Structure formats: C-alpha cells, structure tokens
Amino acid sequence: MNKTELVAAMAEQAGLSKKDAEKALKAFTDTVAKELKKGGKIQLVGFGTFETSKRAAREGRNPQTGATMKIAASKAPKFKAGKALKDIVNK
C-alpha cells in the first residue's frame, strides 16, 4: 500500500474527504518526526511505540577499497509493535 492508497482507505473508514485524510496523515507523520527529533517517544497503546535508538561511533570498511573509515554516531528511528497489533497480524 502506498501513501495514496492509505489516504483513500483512511478517508473511507473515517468518513472524511481524501483531502482531510491526507492532512490528518501529514499532521501525524510531522508530529511523530518532531517528537523523535527531540529525543522523545510516542506510545499508542495497542498499536506500538515510536522511539529512537542511539548508534555509537564505529569503524567500518569501504567495500570497494577495503580501507577503514570512521562512521559517526547517530540516532535511528525505531518502531516496536504492541501486543494487539502483533495479535491481529498473526491471526
């Protein structure tokens, strides 16, 4: 499912116009991104948790030359599915 299909499904299920459903989806993704950027965490009970994980600086290798290189520390977004979502998927 791509974004257009998701917006159409949300609009149909919630009884909204596609334009309003797209605004709601954009507001949701923007809010999640801002909170994760601040280092926060968003918990949706029954669905899952959005959070960040820290990656330490490390040494890697260039696959073409084999030369070692430093990889800087970074943060990566992470999603952990909740029990209710896992149960729905596994039925």
N, C-alpha and C. Protein backbone atom coordinates (compact mmCIF):
# COMPACT_ATOMS: atom_id res chain seq x y z
N MET A 1 0.85 -1.17 0.00
CA MET A 1 0.00 0.00 0.00
C MET A 1 0.90 1.24 0.00
N ASN A 2 0.63 2.16 -0.91
CA ASN A 2 1.39 3.40 -0.92
C ASN A 2 0.60 4.51 -0.23
N LYS A 3 1.15 5.71 -0.22
CA LYS A 3 0.53 6.82 0.52
C LYS A 3 -0.86 7.15 -0.03
N THR A 4 -1.01 7.17 -1.34
CA THR A 4 -2.31 7.49 -1.95
C THR A 4 -3.37 6.47 -1.55
N GLU A 5 -3.00 5.20 -1.57
CA GLU A 5 -3.94 4.14 -1.18
C GLU A 5 -4.27 4.23 0.31
N LEU A 6 -3.28 4.57 1.13
CA LEU A 6 -3.51 4.72 2.57
C LEU A 6 -4.46 5.88 2.84
N VAL A 7 -4.26 7.00 2.18
CA VAL A 7 -5.15 8.16 2.34
C VAL A 7 -6.56 7.80 1.94
N ALA A 8 -6.73 7.08 0.83
CA ALA A 8 -8.06 6.69 0.37
C ALA A 8 -8.73 5.75 1.38
N ALA A 9 -7.98 4.80 1.91
CA ALA A 9 -8.54 3.87 2.90
C ALA A 9 -8.92 4.59 4.18
N MET A 10 -8.07 5.52 4.63
CA MET A 10 -8.37 6.29 5.84
C MET A 10 -9.63 7.14 5.63
N ALA A 11 -9.73 7.77 4.46
CA ALA A 11 -10.89 8.62 4.16
C ALA A 11 -12.17 7.80 4.18
N GLU A 12 -12.12 6.63 3.58
CA GLU A 12 -13.31 5.78 3.52
C GLU A 12 -13.72 5.29 4.91
N GLN A 13 -12.75 4.83 5.69
CA GLN A 13 -13.06 4.27 7.00
C GLN A 13 -13.53 5.34 8.00
N ALA A 14 -12.95 6.54 7.92
CA ALA A 14 -13.30 7.59 8.88
C ALA A 14 -14.42 8.50 8.38
N GLY A 15 -14.85 8.31 7.13
CA GLY A 15 -15.91 9.15 6.59
C GLY A 15 -15.44 10.57 6.33
N LEU A 16 -14.18 10.72 5.94
CA LEU A 16 -13.61 12.03 5.66
C LEU A 16 -13.38 12.16 4.16
N SER A 17 -13.13 13.40 3.73
CA SER A 17 -12.71 13.58 2.34
C SER A 17 -11.25 13.16 2.25
N LYS A 18 -10.81 12.86 1.03
CA LYS A 18 -9.42 12.45 0.85
C LYS A 18 -8.48 13.58 1.24
N LYS A 19 -8.89 14.81 1.00
CA LYS A 19 -8.07 15.97 1.35
C LYS A 19 -7.88 16.06 2.87
N ASP A 20 -8.97 15.85 3.63
CA ASP A 20 -8.88 15.90 5.09
C ASP A 20 -8.07 14.72 5.63
N ALA A 21 -8.23 13.55 5.03
CA ALA A 21 -7.47 12.38 5.46
C ALA A 21 -5.98 12.59 5.20
N GLU A 22 -5.64 13.22 4.08
CA GLU A 22 -4.23 13.50 3.78
C GLU A 22 -3.66 14.50 4.77
N LYS A 23 -4.44 15.52 5.15
CA LYS A 23 -3.99 16.49 6.16
C LYS A 23 -3.75 15.79 7.50
N ALA A 24 -4.65 14.88 7.87
CA ALA A 24 -4.51 14.15 9.13
C ALA A 24 -3.26 13.27 9.12
N LEU A 25 -3.02 12.59 8.01
CA LEU A 25 -1.83 11.74 7.90
C LEU A 25 -0.56 12.58 7.96
N LYS A 26 -0.54 13.71 7.28
CA LYS A 26 0.63 14.59 7.30
C LYS A 26 0.86 15.13 8.71
N ALA A 27 -0.21 15.51 9.40
CA ALA A 27 -0.08 16.02 10.76
C ALA A 27 0.49 14.93 11.67
N PHE A 28 0.04 13.69 11.50
CA PHE A 28 0.53 12.58 12.30
C PHE A 28 2.02 12.35 12.06
N THR A 29 2.41 12.24 10.79
CA THR A 29 3.83 11.96 10.49
C THR A 29 4.73 13.12 10.92
N ASP A 30 4.27 14.36 10.75
CA ASP A 30 5.07 15.52 11.18
C ASP A 30 5.24 15.54 12.69
N THR A 31 4.17 15.23 13.42
CA THR A 31 4.22 15.22 14.88
C THR A 31 5.16 14.13 15.38
N VAL A 32 5.08 12.94 14.80
CA VAL A 32 5.97 11.84 15.19
C VAL A 32 7.42 12.24 14.92
N ALA A 33 7.68 12.79 13.74
CA ALA A 33 9.05 13.19 13.38
C ALA A 33 9.60 14.24 14.34
N LYS A 34 8.80 15.24 14.68
CA LYS A 34 9.26 16.30 15.61
C LYS A 34 9.56 15.73 16.98
N GLU A 35 8.71 14.86 17.47
CA GLU A 35 8.92 14.27 18.79
C GLU A 35 10.17 13.40 18.82
N LEU A 36 10.38 12.61 17.78
CA LEU A 36 11.57 11.76 17.72
C LEU A 36 12.84 12.60 17.58
N LYS A 37 12.75 13.72 16.87
CA LYS A 37 13.90 14.61 16.72
C LYS A 37 14.31 15.18 18.08
N LYS A 38 13.32 15.45 18.95
CA LYS A 38 13.60 15.96 20.30
C LYS A 38 14.14 14.86 21.22
N GLY A 39 14.09 13.62 20.76
CA GLY A 39 14.54 12.51 21.59
C GLY A 39 13.40 11.89 22.39
N GLY A 40 12.17 12.29 22.08
CA GLY A 40 11.01 11.77 22.79
C GLY A 40 10.56 10.42 22.28
N LYS A 41 9.42 10.00 22.80
CA LYS A 41 8.88 8.69 22.47
C LYS A 41 7.36 8.82 22.40
N ILE A 42 6.74 8.14 21.45
CA ILE A 42 5.28 8.18 21.29
C ILE A 42 4.75 6.77 21.47
N GLN A 43 3.86 6.59 22.45
CA GLN A 43 3.25 5.29 22.71
C GLN A 43 1.78 5.33 22.34
N LEU A 44 1.38 4.43 21.46
CA LEU A 44 -0.02 4.27 21.10
C LEU A 44 -0.43 2.90 21.62
N VAL A 45 -1.12 2.87 22.74
CA VAL A 45 -1.48 1.62 23.40
C VAL A 45 -2.25 0.73 22.43
N GLY A 46 -1.80 -0.51 22.32
CA GLY A 46 -2.42 -1.47 21.43
C GLY A 46 -1.85 -1.46 20.02
N PHE A 47 -1.16 -0.38 19.66
CA PHE A 47 -0.58 -0.29 18.32
C PHE A 47 0.93 -0.44 18.36
N GLY A 48 1.60 0.43 19.11
CA GLY A 48 3.04 0.31 19.21
C GLY A 48 3.70 1.58 19.71
N THR A 49 5.02 1.58 19.70
CA THR A 49 5.81 2.69 20.22
C THR A 49 6.82 3.14 19.19
N PHE A 50 6.84 4.45 18.97
CA PHE A 50 7.86 5.07 18.12
C PHE A 50 8.91 5.67 19.04
N GLU A 51 10.18 5.36 18.81
CA GLU A 51 11.26 5.93 19.61
C GLU A 51 12.54 5.94 18.79
N THR A 52 13.60 6.46 19.37
CA THR A 52 14.89 6.47 18.69
C THR A 52 15.86 5.57 19.43
N SER A 53 16.83 5.05 18.69
CA SER A 53 17.90 4.29 19.32
C SER A 53 19.21 4.95 18.93
N LYS A 54 20.16 4.94 19.84
CA LYS A 54 21.45 5.56 19.58
C LYS A 54 22.40 4.53 18.99
N ARG A 55 23.12 4.95 17.97
CA ARG A 55 24.16 4.12 17.36
C ARG A 55 25.50 4.75 17.70
N ALA A 56 26.36 3.99 18.31
CA ALA A 56 27.67 4.50 18.70
C ALA A 56 28.56 4.69 17.47
N ALA A 57 29.55 5.57 17.60
CA ALA A 57 30.53 5.73 16.54
C ALA A 57 31.30 4.42 16.40
N ARG A 58 31.66 4.09 15.19
CA ARG A 58 32.37 2.82 14.98
C ARG A 58 33.25 2.92 13.75
N GLU A 59 34.05 1.91 13.58
CA GLU A 59 34.94 1.87 12.43
C GLU A 59 34.37 0.89 11.40
N GLY A 60 34.33 1.32 10.16
CA GLY A 60 33.83 0.47 9.09
C GLY A 60 34.86 0.34 7.99
N ARG A 61 34.48 -0.36 6.95
CA ARG A 61 35.38 -0.55 5.81
C ARG A 61 34.67 -0.15 4.52
N ASN A 62 35.42 0.48 3.64
CA ASN A 62 34.93 0.80 2.31
C ASN A 62 34.94 -0.52 1.52
N PRO A 63 33.80 -0.99 1.05
CA PRO A 63 33.77 -2.29 0.38
C PRO A 63 34.57 -2.33 -0.93
N GLN A 64 34.75 -1.20 -1.57
CA GLN A 64 35.49 -1.19 -2.84
C GLN A 64 37.00 -1.25 -2.62
N THR A 65 37.49 -0.48 -1.62
CA THR A 65 38.93 -0.39 -1.43
C THR A 65 39.42 -1.19 -0.24
N GLY A 66 38.52 -1.50 0.69
CA GLY A 66 38.92 -2.20 1.90
C GLY A 66 39.53 -1.28 2.95
N ALA A 67 39.61 0.02 2.65
CA ALA A 67 40.19 0.98 3.59
C ALA A 67 39.25 1.19 4.77
N THR A 68 39.82 1.36 5.96
CA THR A 68 38.99 1.62 7.14
C THR A 68 38.55 3.08 7.13
N MET A 69 37.37 3.29 7.70
CA MET A 69 36.83 4.64 7.79
C MET A 69 36.01 4.76 9.07
N LYS A 70 35.89 5.98 9.57
CA LYS A 70 35.12 6.19 10.80
C LYS A 70 33.68 6.50 10.43
N ILE A 71 32.76 5.85 11.14
CA ILE A 71 31.34 6.09 10.96
C ILE A 71 30.87 6.83 12.22
N ALA A 72 30.32 8.01 12.02
CA ALA A 72 29.92 8.86 13.15
C ALA A 72 28.74 8.27 13.91
N ALA A 73 28.62 8.67 15.17
CA ALA A 73 27.47 8.26 15.99
C ALA A 73 26.21 8.87 15.39
N SER A 74 25.09 8.19 15.54
CA SER A 74 23.83 8.70 15.00
C SER A 74 22.66 8.16 15.80
N LYS A 75 21.48 8.73 15.51
CA LYS A 75 20.24 8.23 16.10
C LYS A 75 19.41 7.66 14.96
N ALA A 76 18.72 6.56 15.22
CA ALA A 76 17.87 5.93 14.22
C ALA A 76 16.46 5.78 14.76
N PRO A 77 15.43 6.11 13.95
CA PRO A 77 14.06 5.90 14.39
C PRO A 77 13.75 4.41 14.49
N LYS A 78 12.89 4.05 15.44
CA LYS A 78 12.57 2.65 15.68
C LYS A 78 11.08 2.54 16.01
N PHE A 79 10.46 1.47 15.55
CA PHE A 79 9.06 1.20 15.88
C PHE A 79 8.97 -0.19 16.49
N LYS A 80 8.33 -0.28 17.64
CA LYS A 80 8.12 -1.57 18.29
C LYS A 80 6.61 -1.81 18.33
N ALA A 81 6.17 -2.86 17.68
CA ALA A 81 4.74 -3.17 17.61
C ALA A 81 4.20 -3.59 18.97
N GLY A 82 2.97 -3.16 19.27
CA GLY A 82 2.30 -3.53 20.51
C GLY A 82 1.66 -4.91 20.39
N LYS A 83 1.24 -5.45 21.53
CA LYS A 83 0.68 -6.80 21.57
C LYS A 83 -0.58 -6.93 20.70
N ALA A 84 -1.46 -5.96 20.77
CA ALA A 84 -2.71 -6.03 19.99
C ALA A 84 -2.43 -6.07 18.48
N LEU A 85 -1.48 -5.27 18.03
CA LEU A 85 -1.11 -5.27 16.61
C LEU A 85 -0.47 -6.60 16.22
N LYS A 86 0.39 -7.13 17.07
CA LYS A 86 1.01 -8.43 16.79
C LYS A 86 -0.05 -9.52 16.69
N ASP A 87 -1.04 -9.49 17.61
CA ASP A 87 -2.11 -10.47 17.60
C ASP A 87 -2.93 -10.40 16.31
N ILE A 88 -3.23 -9.18 15.85
CA ILE A 88 -4.01 -9.02 14.60
C ILE A 88 -3.23 -9.58 13.42
N VAL A 89 -1.94 -9.28 13.36
CA VAL A 89 -1.11 -9.73 12.24
C VAL A 89 -0.97 -11.25 12.24
N ASN A 90 -0.90 -11.86 13.40
CA ASN A 90 -0.67 -13.30 13.50
C ASN A 90 -1.94 -14.15 13.46
N LYS A 91 -3.11 -13.55 13.31
CA LYS A 91 -4.35 -14.34 13.24
C LYS A 91 -4.52 -14.90 11.85
